[in-house]
């Protein structure tokens, strides 16, 4: 199974043994390596609408290198520009859909220009800078390549506690994209029994393409060249499944909303 860690190790290995003529050659080489990861069987499940009784076990996914604890808050936007995005999620037990009350749910994602709070913003669309930052800062003994933050910023990160029906609701801005990954939102659940479950939610390509080419500041970089078949993280859960969110436009105001159900097993 190809993982993001193996991809990065392989990328840096190639760069270490290839005679690079200079900065202008580094980006194309890295991009070709990333885009060559095109054989992944990325199965995406569309989240069922409200009222659906079936509870799908949510596929686990890596936290990735850019996780650190989020503040307790519902509005995570801070000063970030972009289209408002209401993200409501229910945490339930797998099989019987019993809501899980009192769990801490954290979300984090990049901003409209692909930047993560806590980390160098200039590397979001620069594969070479991203690779060098991880090479020099990541914990390579961990599969998620965890990297401690290097700035104090915490935009687009938040934590809430599930209510009696298992729900949390975050107000954010719709994420953009950064080099090497398809657009996504990270979610981490800290269950009442002490267990932790991490996953990622994704967005339809067509929806993202329209937004990224027509709405500022997303249109600064245009649509993402990375598709689901290029994304090795989608296969790290074992069965290659990811959850695709159904995006909706608000009727009363500008903005977007989506709901999701996270099914987990508890010991």
Protein backbone atom coordinates (compact mmCIF):
# COMPACT_ATOMS: atom_id res chain seq x y z
CA UNK A 1 0.00 0.00 0.00
CA UNK A 2 1.39 3.39 -0.98
CA UNK A 3 1.22 5.94 1.81
CA UNK A 4 1.91 9.64 2.01
CA UNK A 5 5.00 8.87 4.09
CA UNK A 6 6.38 6.51 1.42
CA UNK A 7 5.56 9.07 -1.26
CA UNK A 8 7.48 11.80 0.54
CA UNK A 9 10.41 9.53 1.28
CA UNK A 10 10.52 8.49 -2.36
CA UNK A 11 10.23 12.07 -3.54
CA UNK A 12 13.09 13.28 -1.38
CA UNK A 13 15.14 10.26 -2.40
CA UNK A 14 14.69 11.08 -6.07
CA UNK A 15 15.63 14.69 -5.44
CA UNK A 16 18.68 13.62 -3.50
CA UNK A 17 19.99 11.51 -6.38
CA UNK A 18 18.91 13.66 -9.33
CA UNK A 19 21.08 16.44 -10.71
CA UNK A 20 18.75 19.43 -10.47
CA UNK A 21 19.78 22.26 -12.74
CA UNK A 22 18.29 24.85 -10.41
CA UNK A 23 15.14 26.08 -8.76
CA UNK A 24 13.11 26.20 -11.97
CA UNK A 25 13.53 22.44 -12.46
CA UNK A 26 12.54 21.41 -8.95
CA UNK A 27 8.85 22.23 -9.13
CA UNK A 28 8.19 20.36 -12.41
CA UNK A 29 10.07 17.29 -11.16
CA UNK A 30 8.11 17.17 -7.90
CA UNK A 31 4.85 17.78 -9.72
CA UNK A 32 5.51 14.93 -12.14
CA UNK A 33 6.27 12.62 -9.22
CA UNK A 34 3.08 13.63 -7.43
CA UNK A 35 0.91 13.32 -10.52
CA UNK A 36 2.40 9.93 -11.31
CA UNK A 37 0.63 8.55 -8.27
CA UNK A 38 -2.37 7.84 -10.49
CA UNK A 39 -3.27 4.23 -9.80
CA UNK A 40 -5.05 4.63 -6.49
CA UNK A 41 -8.48 3.06 -6.19
CA UNK A 42 -10.17 5.96 -4.44
CA UNK A 43 -13.71 4.93 -3.55
CA UNK A 44 -15.79 7.83 -2.30
CA UNK A 45 -19.13 7.49 -0.55
CA UNK A 46 -21.62 10.33 -0.79
CA UNK A 47 -22.93 11.23 2.64
CA UNK A 48 -26.56 10.14 3.05
CA UNK A 49 -29.16 12.89 3.55
CA UNK A 50 -30.78 13.59 6.92
CA UNK A 51 -33.16 10.85 7.94
CA UNK A 52 -31.12 7.99 6.45
CA UNK A 53 -31.04 5.16 8.98
CA UNK A 54 -27.96 3.31 7.71
CA UNK A 55 -24.77 4.10 9.62
CA UNK A 56 -21.61 3.67 7.59
CA UNK A 57 -18.39 3.07 9.50
CA UNK A 58 -16.24 6.09 8.74
CA UNK A 59 -12.88 5.25 7.21
CA UNK A 60 -9.98 6.38 9.36
CA UNK A 61 -7.33 8.63 7.83
CA UNK A 62 -4.07 10.14 8.92
CA UNK A 63 -3.99 13.39 10.87
CA UNK A 64 -1.27 14.50 8.49
CA UNK A 65 1.68 16.62 9.56
CA UNK A 66 -0.26 19.77 10.43
CA UNK A 67 -2.36 18.78 13.43
CA UNK A 68 -2.14 20.47 16.81
CA UNK A 69 -4.83 20.99 19.49
CA UNK A 70 -7.55 23.48 18.55
CA UNK A 71 -9.31 26.07 20.75
CA UNK A 72 -12.86 25.45 21.94
CA UNK A 73 -15.03 27.53 19.58
CA UNK A 74 -17.74 27.30 16.95
CA UNK A 75 -16.58 30.13 14.64
CA UNK A 76 -13.11 29.32 13.33
CA UNK A 77 -12.85 31.94 10.57
CA UNK A 78 -10.84 34.65 12.33
CA UNK A 79 -9.49 36.95 9.57
CA UNK A 80 -9.62 34.47 6.70
CA UNK A 81 -11.24 35.54 3.44
CA UNK A 82 -13.44 33.18 1.48
CA UNK A 83 -16.97 31.81 1.19
CA UNK A 84 -18.63 31.07 4.53
CA UNK A 85 -19.02 27.36 5.14
CA UNK A 86 -21.33 25.88 7.80
CA UNK A 87 -20.21 22.35 8.58
CA UNK A 88 -22.53 20.32 10.80
CA UNK A 89 -21.55 16.82 11.85
CA UNK A 90 -23.14 14.05 13.90
CA UNK A 91 -21.09 11.46 15.77
CA UNK A 92 -22.83 8.08 16.13
CA UNK A 93 -22.05 4.48 16.99
CA UNK A 94 -21.62 2.22 14.01
CA UNK A 95 -24.44 -0.26 13.33
CA UNK A 96 -27.22 1.24 15.46
CA UNK A 97 -26.78 5.02 14.90
CA UNK A 98 -26.85 5.77 18.64
CA UNK A 99 -25.65 9.35 19.14
CA UNK A 100 -22.44 9.83 21.11
CA UNK A 101 -22.72 12.67 23.61
CA UNK A 102 -19.79 14.44 25.24
CA UNK A 103 -17.14 13.71 22.61
CA UNK A 104 -14.65 16.38 21.59
CA UNK A 105 -14.61 17.00 17.83
CA UNK A 106 -11.79 18.97 16.23
CA UNK A 107 -11.62 20.23 12.66
CA UNK A 108 -8.79 21.88 10.78
CA UNK A 109 -8.18 22.69 7.13
CA UNK A 110 -6.36 25.10 4.86
CA UNK A 111 -7.67 28.54 3.92
CA UNK A 112 -8.86 29.72 0.50
CA UNK A 113 -5.26 29.96 -0.73
CA UNK A 114 -4.15 26.58 0.61
CA UNK A 115 -2.41 27.83 3.78
CA UNK A 116 -2.49 26.06 7.15
CA UNK A 117 -2.37 28.07 10.33
CA UNK A 118 0.71 27.39 12.43
CA UNK A 119 2.95 26.66 9.45
CA UNK A 120 4.82 28.62 6.74
CA UNK A 121 2.19 30.06 4.44
CA UNK A 122 4.50 30.46 1.46
CA UNK A 123 4.79 26.69 0.92
CA UNK A 124 1.13 25.97 0.16
CA UNK A 125 1.59 25.93 -3.63
CA UNK A 126 5.27 25.12 -3.66
CA UNK A 127 5.99 21.38 -3.56
CA UNK A 128 9.72 21.93 -3.15
CA UNK A 129 9.33 24.17 -0.09
CA UNK A 130 6.77 21.77 1.37
CA UNK A 131 9.09 18.79 0.89
CA UNK A 132 12.07 20.62 2.39
CA UNK A 133 10.02 21.83 5.37
CA UNK A 134 8.86 18.29 6.15
CA UNK A 135 12.34 16.88 5.55
CA UNK A 136 13.78 19.28 8.14
CA UNK A 137 10.93 19.41 10.67
CA UNK A 138 8.72 16.31 10.53
CA UNK A 139 8.95 13.38 12.92
CA UNK A 140 9.86 10.66 10.42
CA UNK A 141 9.34 7.94 13.01
CA UNK A 142 5.60 8.67 12.98
CA UNK A 143 3.40 7.58 10.06
CA UNK A 144 1.59 10.95 10.06
CA UNK A 145 4.89 12.89 9.83
CA UNK A 146 3.71 15.10 12.68
CA UNK A 147 5.33 18.53 12.60
CA UNK A 148 5.20 21.00 15.46
CA UNK A 149 3.74 24.42 14.52
CA UNK A 150 6.22 27.23 13.88
CA UNK A 151 3.83 30.21 14.21
CA UNK A 152 1.15 31.22 16.74
CA UNK A 153 -1.73 31.40 14.22
CA UNK A 154 -4.75 29.12 14.75
CA UNK A 155 -7.22 30.18 12.05
CA UNK A 156 -9.57 27.53 10.66
CA UNK A 157 -9.08 25.27 13.66
CA UNK A 158 -11.73 24.59 16.27
CA UNK A 159 -13.09 22.14 18.79
CA UNK A 160 -16.63 21.47 20.03
CA UNK A 161 -18.33 18.96 22.31
CA UNK A 162 -21.14 16.83 20.88
CA UNK A 163 -24.62 17.48 22.29
CA UNK A 164 -27.16 14.86 23.42
CA UNK A 165 -27.90 14.02 19.78
CA UNK A 166 -24.23 13.77 18.83
CA UNK A 167 -24.08 17.03 16.85
CA UNK A 168 -21.49 19.78 16.50
CA UNK A 169 -21.64 22.75 14.16
CA UNK A 170 -18.68 24.80 12.88
CA UNK A 171 -18.67 28.08 10.97
CA UNK A 172 -15.64 28.23 8.71
CA UNK A 173 -14.71 29.28 5.18
CA UNK A 174 -14.66 26.78 2.35
CA UNK A 175 -11.13 25.43 1.95
CA UNK A 176 -8.95 25.96 -1.06
CA UNK A 177 -6.28 23.52 -2.16
CA UNK A 178 -2.57 23.09 -1.81
CA UNK A 179 -0.03 21.23 -3.91
CA UNK A 180 -0.09 17.48 -3.47
CA UNK A 181 -3.61 16.94 -2.10
CA UNK A 182 -7.22 17.17 -3.18
CA UNK A 183 -9.39 19.63 -1.18
CA UNK A 184 -10.40 18.20 2.21
CA UNK A 185 -11.32 18.86 5.84
CA UNK A 186 -9.64 17.03 8.71
CA UNK A 187 -11.80 15.75 11.58
CA UNK A 188 -10.61 14.17 14.82
CA UNK A 189 -12.97 12.72 17.44
CA UNK A 190 -11.91 12.23 21.06
CA UNK A 191 -14.46 9.73 22.35
CA UNK A 192 -15.73 9.67 25.97
CA UNK A 193 -13.99 6.32 26.56
CA UNK A 194 -10.59 7.79 25.67
CA UNK A 195 -10.37 6.47 22.11
CA UNK A 196 -9.44 8.74 19.21
CA UNK A 197 -10.66 8.51 15.61
CA UNK A 198 -9.39 10.66 12.73
CA UNK A 199 -10.83 11.01 9.24
CA UNK A 200 -11.04 13.41 6.30
CA UNK A 201 -14.02 14.66 4.31
CA UNK A 202 -13.85 15.56 0.61
CA UNK A 203 -15.71 17.68 -1.95
CA UNK A 204 -16.98 17.03 -5.51
CA UNK A 205 -14.40 17.94 -8.16
CA UNK A 206 -16.93 19.77 -10.32
CA UNK A 207 -18.09 21.94 -7.42
CA UNK A 208 -14.53 22.88 -6.51
CA UNK A 209 -13.56 23.58 -10.11
CA UNK A 210 -16.35 26.14 -10.48
CA UNK A 211 -15.63 27.85 -7.18
CA UNK A 212 -11.87 27.96 -7.68
CA UNK A 213 -12.15 29.55 -11.12
CA UNK A 214 -14.88 32.13 -10.48
CA UNK A 215 -14.71 33.36 -6.87
CA UNK A 216 -11.90 35.39 -5.27
CA UNK A 217 -9.56 34.73 -3.53
CA UNK A 218 -9.85 31.09 -4.69
CA UNK A 219 -9.35 32.10 -8.32
CA UNK A 220 -5.79 33.23 -7.56
CA UNK A 221 -4.64 29.64 -8.21
CA UNK A 222 -7.55 28.30 -10.27
CA UNK A 223 -8.77 24.72 -10.10
CA UNK A 224 -6.68 22.03 -8.50
CA UNK A 225 -4.73 19.77 -10.84
CA UNK A 226 -4.82 16.99 -8.23
CA UNK A 227 -7.72 14.55 -8.44
CA UNK A 228 -8.89 11.71 -6.24
CA UNK A 229 -6.88 9.18 -8.25
CA UNK A 230 -3.69 11.11 -7.41
CA UNK A 231 -4.32 11.17 -3.67
CA UNK A 232 -2.55 8.43 -1.73
CA UNK A 233 -4.13 9.48 1.57
CA UNK A 234 -7.46 8.14 0.32
CA UNK A 235 -6.02 4.61 0.36
CA UNK A 236 -4.41 4.75 3.79
CA UNK A 237 -7.60 3.67 5.55
CA UNK A 238 -7.20 0.20 4.11
CA UNK A 239 -10.26 -0.04 1.85
CA UNK A 240 -9.68 3.18 -0.05
CA UNK A 241 -12.98 4.76 0.96
CA UNK A 242 -13.55 8.41 1.68
CA UNK A 243 -16.68 10.44 2.38
CA UNK A 244 -17.74 12.97 -0.24
CA UNK A 245 -19.78 15.84 1.17
CA UNK A 246 -22.88 17.07 -0.64
CA UNK A 247 -22.49 20.83 -0.92
CA UNK A 248 -25.48 23.14 -0.56
CA UNK A 249 -25.87 26.88 -1.09
CA UNK A 250 -27.58 28.98 1.56
CA UNK A 251 -30.86 30.52 0.46
CA UNK A 252 -31.01 33.42 2.89
CA UNK A 253 -27.40 34.61 2.55
CA UNK A 254 -24.20 34.00 0.68
CA UNK A 255 -22.43 30.91 1.80
CA UNK A 256 -22.35 27.12 1.76
CA UNK A 257 -23.38 24.35 4.11
CA UNK A 258 -22.95 20.61 4.43
CA UNK A 259 -23.75 17.90 6.94
CA UNK A 260 -21.94 14.67 7.70
CA UNK A 261 -22.34 11.66 9.93
CA UNK A 262 -19.28 10.04 11.48
CA UNK A 263 -19.87 6.41 12.43
CA UNK A 264 -17.40 4.94 14.89
CA UNK A 265 -16.95 1.75 16.87
CA UNK A 266 -16.55 2.11 20.63
CA UNK A 267 -15.08 -0.55 22.88
